[in-house]
Amino acid sequence: MNFGPSDETDLLIFQNYFSPSRHAIFEELGKDRKLVVMYLQSGVDEGRRWVEETPKNYVARRIPTRQIAKVVLPVGHLGLPKKAEVALMVDNNPTNVAMLLLARTVKGIAGRTYLWVEHIPDPSKGQGKTLYQTMTSRGLLRFNDGAASFSAMSDRYLASLGYEGVIRRIPQVVPAPELGAARRRVQTLRRFGYLGSGVARKNVSALRTAVDAILHPDLTLYLAGYDPVDIWPREIACGYIAGLELEAFFNDIDVLVLPSIIDPWGLVVNEALMRGRLVIVSEFCGSSEIVAQIDPRLVCGLTSFEIQAAIEYAISLSTSEVDDRLRRARNVMEGFTVVAAADAFRRL
């Protein structure tokens, strides 16, 4: 699909950079809506390894920008459409100043405007970063008719700003795995996996300590997404994975564990649940709201002892209890599909 910057569009959406999950939503949305997505950064700017796909059902453009320290600023011709029925500005720290500079122009283009909000209350952030984020979020909210929130934690973030306006919920989703992909049936929970980076806020060290303390002969921990410095007994290092390696990882494990100290959501949770794998997640991840619907005891604290207790509980589940929780997971995930997310955008 291709149309010039002077054309009108149904939806105008601003994003920091391309991501496969958002691309899937936009492709679905573009089937019956005229959609323009404006990117302010590239994925490599934030260390992402994704390959950017060419849109088929929507138009994607890159706003020329310049980065000063960690702040992204717009420069040159913007290439915005002359009119949009709905526009979504993005609330993300690196691009918030740019978005504030563009906000009045976007407000003049669009019939309705919403602020895309994924921030959550985060006590781990320093005072300066928290002040910057709070001020820019409040500033952007003043330019918008409502907020598009992606989790209950983001709702709480908005409440912490004193925001009392319209909030529309958009589900966090990932594309479904390909039909016909081989999948080992899970009956008992013995193989646990972590998928993500090795940075401190992911709390992987607490997970590894928890597994090391459990005296079960069949327990295994698969570590994927990063390269650990050393490998402990009962651990298998998978490194960075994608494509067939990603599918093999989910086929090997019974349970994904996401023990993050703070995480706005954690899309790996969706990836696991959509592939028939249960999840243990920390209470400080946005995705804990869906895991709690499956089994609240699979939501844990941050210490190795709390993670250990959740893993030991999972190990104790019988085959029939595992089947019951997998059934609940399938029911919950019916509301977290690409089609459901696209429909939520259509209702804005």
Protein backbone atom coordinates (compact mmCIF):
# COMPACT_ATOMS: atom_id res chain seq x y z
CA MET A 1 0.00 0.00 0.00
CA ASN A 2 1.37 3.41 -0.87
CA PHE A 3 -0.12 6.88 -0.72
CA GLY A 4 1.44 10.30 -0.47
CA PRO A 5 1.88 12.46 2.65
CA SER A 6 -0.90 14.81 1.53
CA ASP A 7 -3.52 12.05 1.62
CA GLU A 8 -6.01 11.50 4.39
CA THR A 9 -5.90 8.44 6.62
CA ASP A 10 -8.16 6.69 9.10
CA LEU A 11 -5.45 6.13 11.69
CA LEU A 12 -2.13 7.84 12.32
CA ILE A 13 0.04 6.01 14.84
CA PHE A 14 3.41 7.14 16.22
CA GLN A 15 5.93 4.56 17.42
CA ASN A 16 9.51 4.60 18.62
CA TYR A 17 10.56 1.78 16.28
CA PHE A 18 9.37 -1.29 14.38
CA SER A 19 8.54 -4.44 16.34
CA PRO A 20 7.19 -7.77 15.02
CA SER A 21 4.25 -7.80 17.43
CA ARG A 22 3.10 -4.29 16.50
CA HIS A 23 3.66 -5.02 12.82
CA ALA A 24 1.28 -7.99 13.07
CA ILE A 25 -1.42 -5.76 14.60
CA PHE A 26 -0.91 -3.06 11.98
CA GLU A 27 -1.16 -5.58 9.13
CA GLU A 28 -4.46 -6.86 10.54
CA LEU A 29 -5.74 -3.33 11.15
CA GLY A 30 -4.71 -2.25 7.65
CA LYS A 31 -7.02 -4.81 6.05
CA ASP A 32 -9.99 -2.47 6.45
CA ARG A 33 -8.50 0.79 7.69
CA LYS A 34 -6.20 3.29 6.02
CA LEU A 35 -3.23 3.35 8.41
CA VAL A 36 -0.02 5.39 8.54
CA VAL A 37 2.64 4.51 11.12
CA MET A 38 5.35 7.07 11.85
CA TYR A 39 8.59 5.79 13.38
CA LEU A 40 10.89 8.08 15.34
CA GLN A 41 13.74 5.58 15.76
CA SER A 42 15.14 2.33 14.38
CA GLY A 43 15.17 -0.87 16.42
CA VAL A 44 18.99 -0.90 16.37
CA ASP A 45 18.93 2.41 18.27
CA GLU A 46 17.64 0.45 21.28
CA GLY A 47 19.69 -2.70 20.68
CA ARG A 48 16.93 -4.71 18.96
CA ARG A 49 17.93 -7.46 16.54
CA TRP A 50 14.64 -7.61 14.68
CA VAL A 51 14.55 -7.60 10.90
CA GLU A 52 12.14 -4.86 9.80
CA GLU A 53 9.44 -6.24 7.51
CA THR A 54 7.96 -4.26 4.63
CA PRO A 55 4.29 -3.42 5.31
CA LYS A 56 1.68 -4.84 2.95
CA ASN A 57 -1.53 -3.38 4.38
CA TYR A 58 -0.32 -0.09 5.85
CA VAL A 59 2.15 2.71 5.21
CA ALA A 60 5.25 3.14 7.39
CA ARG A 61 7.38 6.28 7.40
CA ARG A 62 10.44 7.36 9.36
CA ILE A 63 10.48 10.89 10.78
CA PRO A 64 13.95 12.42 10.38
CA THR A 65 15.42 12.81 13.87
CA ARG A 66 18.59 13.73 15.68
CA GLN A 67 19.58 12.24 19.03
CA ILE A 68 21.15 14.43 21.73
CA ALA A 69 22.22 12.32 24.71
CA LYS A 70 19.18 10.05 25.15
CA VAL A 71 16.64 12.52 23.75
CA VAL A 72 15.36 12.16 20.18
CA LEU A 73 14.37 15.36 18.36
CA PRO A 74 12.58 15.75 14.99
CA VAL A 75 14.44 17.48 12.15
CA GLY A 76 13.51 18.17 8.53
CA HIS A 77 10.32 17.30 6.67
CA LEU A 78 7.86 15.24 8.72
CA GLY A 79 5.78 13.70 5.93
CA LEU A 80 2.56 13.64 7.96
CA PRO A 81 -0.82 13.07 6.27
CA LYS A 82 -2.96 16.19 6.06
CA LYS A 83 -5.85 14.62 7.97
CA ALA A 84 -6.53 11.60 10.21
CA GLU A 85 -9.71 10.41 11.86
CA VAL A 86 -7.75 9.13 14.88
CA ALA A 87 -4.14 9.70 15.93
CA LEU A 88 -2.17 7.91 18.63
CA MET A 89 0.83 9.72 20.04
CA VAL A 90 3.38 7.60 21.88
CA ASP A 91 4.55 8.06 25.47
CA ASN A 92 8.10 6.69 25.55
CA ASN A 93 11.01 8.37 27.30
CA PRO A 94 13.53 8.72 24.43
CA THR A 95 10.97 10.31 22.10
CA ASN A 96 8.73 12.23 24.52
CA VAL A 97 10.31 15.61 23.81
CA ALA A 98 9.89 15.00 20.06
CA MET A 99 6.27 14.00 20.63
CA LEU A 100 5.63 17.14 22.66
CA LEU A 101 7.07 19.26 19.84
CA LEU A 102 4.78 17.50 17.34
CA ALA A 103 1.70 17.32 19.56
CA ARG A 104 0.03 20.57 18.51
CA THR A 105 0.47 19.71 14.82
CA VAL A 106 -0.93 16.21 15.34
CA LYS A 107 -3.86 17.63 17.31
CA GLY A 108 -4.66 19.86 14.35
CA ILE A 109 -4.58 16.92 11.93
CA ALA A 110 -6.70 14.42 13.86
CA GLY A 111 -10.37 14.31 14.76
CA ARG A 112 -9.57 12.36 17.97
CA THR A 113 -6.24 11.80 19.68
CA TYR A 114 -5.06 9.23 22.22
CA LEU A 115 -1.80 8.75 24.07
CA TRP A 116 -0.25 5.27 23.75
CA VAL A 117 0.78 4.44 27.35
CA GLU A 118 2.85 1.43 28.42
CA HIS A 119 4.62 3.04 31.38
CA ILE A 120 4.02 1.44 34.78
CA PRO A 121 4.84 2.63 38.31
CA ASP A 122 8.59 1.97 38.59
CA PRO A 123 10.30 2.64 41.93
CA SER A 124 13.60 1.39 40.49
CA LYS A 125 14.01 4.52 38.34
CA GLY A 126 16.13 7.37 39.64
CA GLN A 127 14.60 10.63 40.79
CA GLY A 128 15.71 12.57 37.70
CA LYS A 129 14.37 10.03 35.20
CA THR A 130 11.10 9.71 37.14
CA LEU A 131 10.64 13.50 37.14
CA TYR A 132 11.34 13.70 33.38
CA GLN A 133 8.92 10.85 32.64
CA THR A 134 6.18 12.25 34.88
CA MET A 135 6.41 15.77 33.42
CA THR A 136 6.44 14.61 29.80
CA SER A 137 3.61 12.11 30.34
CA ARG A 138 1.43 14.79 31.93
CA GLY A 139 2.29 17.21 29.14
CA LEU A 140 1.33 14.72 26.45
CA LEU A 141 -1.91 13.78 28.20
CA ARG A 142 -3.00 17.43 28.05
CA PHE A 143 -2.84 17.29 24.24
CA ASN A 144 -4.95 14.13 23.96
CA ASP A 145 -8.63 13.23 24.26
CA GLY A 146 -7.86 9.96 26.01
CA ALA A 147 -5.25 7.34 26.83
CA ALA A 148 -4.72 3.93 25.22
CA SER A 149 -3.46 1.76 28.09
CA PHE A 150 -1.92 -1.67 27.67
CA SER A 151 -2.19 -3.14 31.18
CA ALA A 152 -3.71 -2.72 34.63
CA MET A 153 -0.29 -1.49 35.76
CA SER A 154 -0.40 1.23 33.10
CA ASP A 155 -3.84 2.18 34.42
CA ARG A 156 -2.21 2.61 37.85
CA TYR A 157 0.55 4.71 36.31
CA LEU A 158 -2.07 7.02 34.80
CA ALA A 159 -3.84 7.25 38.17
CA SER A 160 -0.52 8.16 39.82
CA LEU A 161 -0.33 11.18 37.48
CA GLY A 162 -3.75 12.30 38.66
CA TYR A 163 -5.24 11.49 35.26
CA GLU A 164 -9.02 11.13 35.36
CA GLY A 165 -9.80 11.13 31.63
CA VAL A 166 -10.86 8.44 29.17
CA ILE A 167 -8.84 5.21 29.20
CA ARG A 168 -9.19 2.64 26.40
CA ARG A 169 -7.61 -0.77 26.93
CA ILE A 170 -5.54 -2.34 24.15
CA PRO A 171 -4.46 -5.96 24.76
CA GLN A 172 -0.78 -6.82 24.56
CA VAL A 173 -0.42 -9.49 21.87
CA VAL A 174 2.03 -11.46 19.76
CA PRO A 175 1.42 -13.22 16.43
CA ALA A 176 0.16 -16.79 16.74
CA PRO A 177 2.69 -19.55 15.98
CA GLU A 178 2.39 -21.16 12.59
CA LEU A 179 -0.32 -23.79 12.31
CA GLY A 180 0.92 -27.36 12.23
CA ALA A 181 4.10 -26.66 14.22
CA ALA A 182 5.09 -29.76 16.21
CA ARG A 183 4.45 -29.32 19.93
CA ARG A 184 5.32 -31.78 22.68
CA ARG A 185 2.39 -32.35 25.04
CA VAL A 186 3.05 -31.15 28.58
CA GLN A 187 1.90 -33.54 31.32
CA THR A 188 4.16 -32.78 34.28
CA LEU A 189 6.21 -29.65 34.92
CA ARG A 190 9.93 -30.37 35.13
CA ARG A 191 11.55 -28.31 32.38
CA PHE A 192 11.66 -24.59 33.13
CA GLY A 193 12.90 -21.87 30.80
CA TYR A 194 13.93 -18.24 30.78
CA LEU A 195 13.92 -16.12 27.60
CA GLY A 196 15.25 -12.56 27.67
CA SER A 197 18.31 -10.45 28.31
CA GLY A 198 20.77 -10.91 31.15
CA VAL A 199 20.45 -7.37 32.56
CA ALA A 200 20.02 -6.99 36.32
CA ARG A 201 16.35 -5.93 36.23
CA LYS A 202 15.44 -9.28 34.65
CA ASN A 203 16.44 -10.94 37.96
CA VAL A 204 17.84 -14.06 36.29
CA SER A 205 20.35 -14.62 39.10
CA ALA A 206 17.50 -15.12 41.58
CA LEU A 207 15.88 -17.64 39.22
CA ARG A 208 19.12 -19.60 38.85
CA THR A 209 19.63 -19.62 42.62
CA ALA A 210 16.06 -20.84 43.11
CA VAL A 211 16.49 -23.75 40.67
CA ASP A 212 19.85 -24.67 42.19
CA ALA A 213 18.22 -25.01 45.62
CA ILE A 214 15.50 -27.44 44.49
CA LEU A 215 16.37 -31.07 45.06
CA HIS A 216 14.51 -32.70 42.21
CA PRO A 217 16.37 -35.12 39.92
CA ASP A 218 14.47 -34.24 36.73
CA LEU A 219 14.54 -30.45 37.04
CA THR A 220 16.15 -28.54 34.14
CA LEU A 221 16.52 -24.81 33.46
CA TYR A 222 16.88 -23.60 29.86
CA LEU A 223 18.46 -20.13 29.52
CA ALA A 224 17.79 -18.32 26.22
CA GLY A 225 18.16 -14.80 24.87
CA TYR A 226 21.59 -14.10 26.34
CA ASP A 227 24.92 -15.83 26.97
CA PRO A 228 25.55 -16.60 30.66
CA VAL A 229 29.15 -16.30 31.83
CA ASP A 230 29.02 -19.77 33.41
CA ILE A 231 26.65 -22.74 33.36
CA TRP A 232 25.44 -24.32 36.58
CA PRO A 233 24.38 -27.95 37.04
CA ARG A 234 20.98 -28.74 35.39
CA GLU A 235 21.19 -25.65 33.16
CA ILE A 236 21.17 -25.60 29.36
CA ALA A 237 22.34 -22.41 27.61
CA CYS A 238 20.57 -21.65 24.32
CA GLY A 239 21.97 -18.18 23.53
CA TYR A 240 20.09 -15.74 21.30
CA ILE A 241 17.25 -17.55 19.53
CA ALA A 242 14.76 -16.73 16.77
CA GLY A 243 12.71 -18.56 14.18
CA LEU A 244 13.05 -22.35 14.37
CA GLU A 245 15.33 -22.10 17.41
CA LEU A 246 12.62 -20.15 19.26
CA GLU A 247 10.05 -22.84 18.44
CA ALA A 248 12.48 -25.55 19.56
CA PHE A 249 12.99 -23.73 22.89
CA PHE A 250 9.25 -23.63 23.60
CA ASN A 251 8.93 -27.26 22.54
CA ASP A 252 11.65 -28.25 25.05
CA ILE A 253 10.27 -26.44 28.10
CA ASP A 254 7.16 -27.03 30.21
CA VAL A 255 7.07 -23.66 31.98
CA LEU A 256 8.46 -20.22 31.14
CA VAL A 257 9.69 -18.15 34.10
CA LEU A 258 9.86 -14.35 33.93
CA PRO A 259 11.15 -13.12 37.33
CA SER A 260 11.70 -9.46 36.36
CA ILE A 261 12.14 -6.82 39.05
CA ILE A 262 10.02 -4.53 36.84
CA ASP A 263 8.58 -5.09 33.37
CA PRO A 264 5.80 -3.11 31.64
CA TRP A 265 4.46 -6.40 30.26
CA GLY A 266 6.77 -9.18 29.02
CA LEU A 267 5.56 -10.43 25.63
CA VAL A 268 7.44 -13.72 26.11
CA VAL A 269 4.59 -14.61 28.47
CA ASN A 270 2.13 -14.37 25.56
CA GLU A 271 4.49 -16.36 23.34
CA ALA A 272 4.64 -19.18 25.87
CA LEU A 273 0.91 -19.30 26.64
CA MET A 274 0.00 -19.30 22.93
CA ARG A 275 2.24 -22.34 22.50
CA GLY A 276 0.64 -24.37 25.26
CA ARG A 277 3.22 -23.61 27.94
CA LEU A 278 2.44 -22.40 31.45
CA VAL A 279 4.20 -19.38 32.94
CA ILE A 280 5.56 -18.28 36.30
CA VAL A 281 5.87 -14.49 36.42
CA SER A 282 6.80 -11.91 39.04
CA GLU A 283 4.07 -9.71 40.47
CA PHE A 284 5.94 -6.69 39.07
CA CYS A 285 5.35 -7.66 35.43
CA GLY A 286 2.33 -6.26 33.62
CA SER A 287 1.56 -9.74 32.26
CA SER A 288 0.99 -11.03 35.80
CA GLU A 289 -2.65 -9.97 35.31
CA ILE A 290 -3.24 -12.79 32.82
CA VAL A 291 -1.15 -15.39 34.69
CA ALA A 292 -3.17 -14.68 37.85
CA GLN A 293 -6.32 -15.64 35.94
CA ILE A 294 -4.77 -19.04 35.15
CA ASP A 295 -3.41 -19.72 38.66
CA PRO A 296 -2.52 -16.96 41.16
CA ARG A 297 0.11 -19.22 42.72
CA LEU A 298 2.10 -18.95 39.50
CA VAL A 299 2.62 -15.24 40.27
CA CYS A 300 5.63 -14.86 42.56
CA GLY A 301 7.75 -12.32 44.40
CA LEU A 302 11.30 -11.33 43.53
CA THR A 303 13.47 -13.26 45.98
CA SER A 304 14.99 -16.62 45.12
CA PHE A 305 12.91 -18.15 47.94
CA GLU A 306 9.65 -16.83 46.46
CA ILE A 307 10.61 -17.98 42.96
CA GLN A 308 11.62 -21.36 44.38
CA ALA A 309 8.23 -21.72 46.08
CA ALA A 310 6.41 -21.04 42.80
CA ILE A 311 8.56 -23.57 40.93
CA GLU A 312 8.06 -26.21 43.63
CA TYR A 313 4.32 -25.61 43.47
CA ALA A 314 4.40 -26.08 39.67
CA ILE A 315 6.37 -29.32 40.06
CA SER A 316 3.74 -30.60 42.52
CA LEU A 317 0.86 -30.28 40.02
CA SER A 318 -0.61 -33.54 38.76
CA THR A 319 -1.26 -34.22 35.07
CA SER A 320 -4.96 -33.41 35.49
CA GLU A 321 -4.11 -30.17 37.33
CA VAL A 322 -1.69 -29.20 34.55
CA ASP A 323 -4.41 -29.92 31.96
CA ASP A 324 -6.84 -27.73 33.89
CA ARG A 325 -4.44 -24.78 33.94
CA LEU A 326 -3.62 -25.19 30.26
CA ARG A 327 -7.36 -25.09 29.53
CA ARG A 328 -7.67 -21.88 31.55
CA ALA A 329 -4.70 -20.44 29.65
CA ARG A 330 -6.35 -21.15 26.30
CA ASN A 331 -9.53 -19.42 27.46
CA VAL A 332 -7.64 -16.36 28.73
CA MET A 333 -5.58 -16.03 25.56
CA GLU A 334 -8.71 -15.79 23.41
CA GLY A 335 -8.77 -12.13 24.44
CA PHE A 336 -5.08 -11.62 23.61
CA THR A 337 -4.93 -12.22 19.86
CA VAL A 338 -3.79 -9.97 17.03
CA VAL A 339 -7.42 -9.74 15.85
CA ALA A 340 -8.56 -8.68 19.35
CA ALA A 341 -5.90 -5.95 19.47
CA ALA A 342 -6.80 -4.68 15.99
CA ASP A 343 -10.47 -4.57 17.00
CA ALA A 344 -9.54 -2.51 20.07
CA PHE A 345 -7.77 0.02 17.82
CA ARG A 346 -10.83 0.15 15.54
CA ARG A 347 -12.99 1.14 18.51
CA LEU A 348 -10.90 4.20 19.38
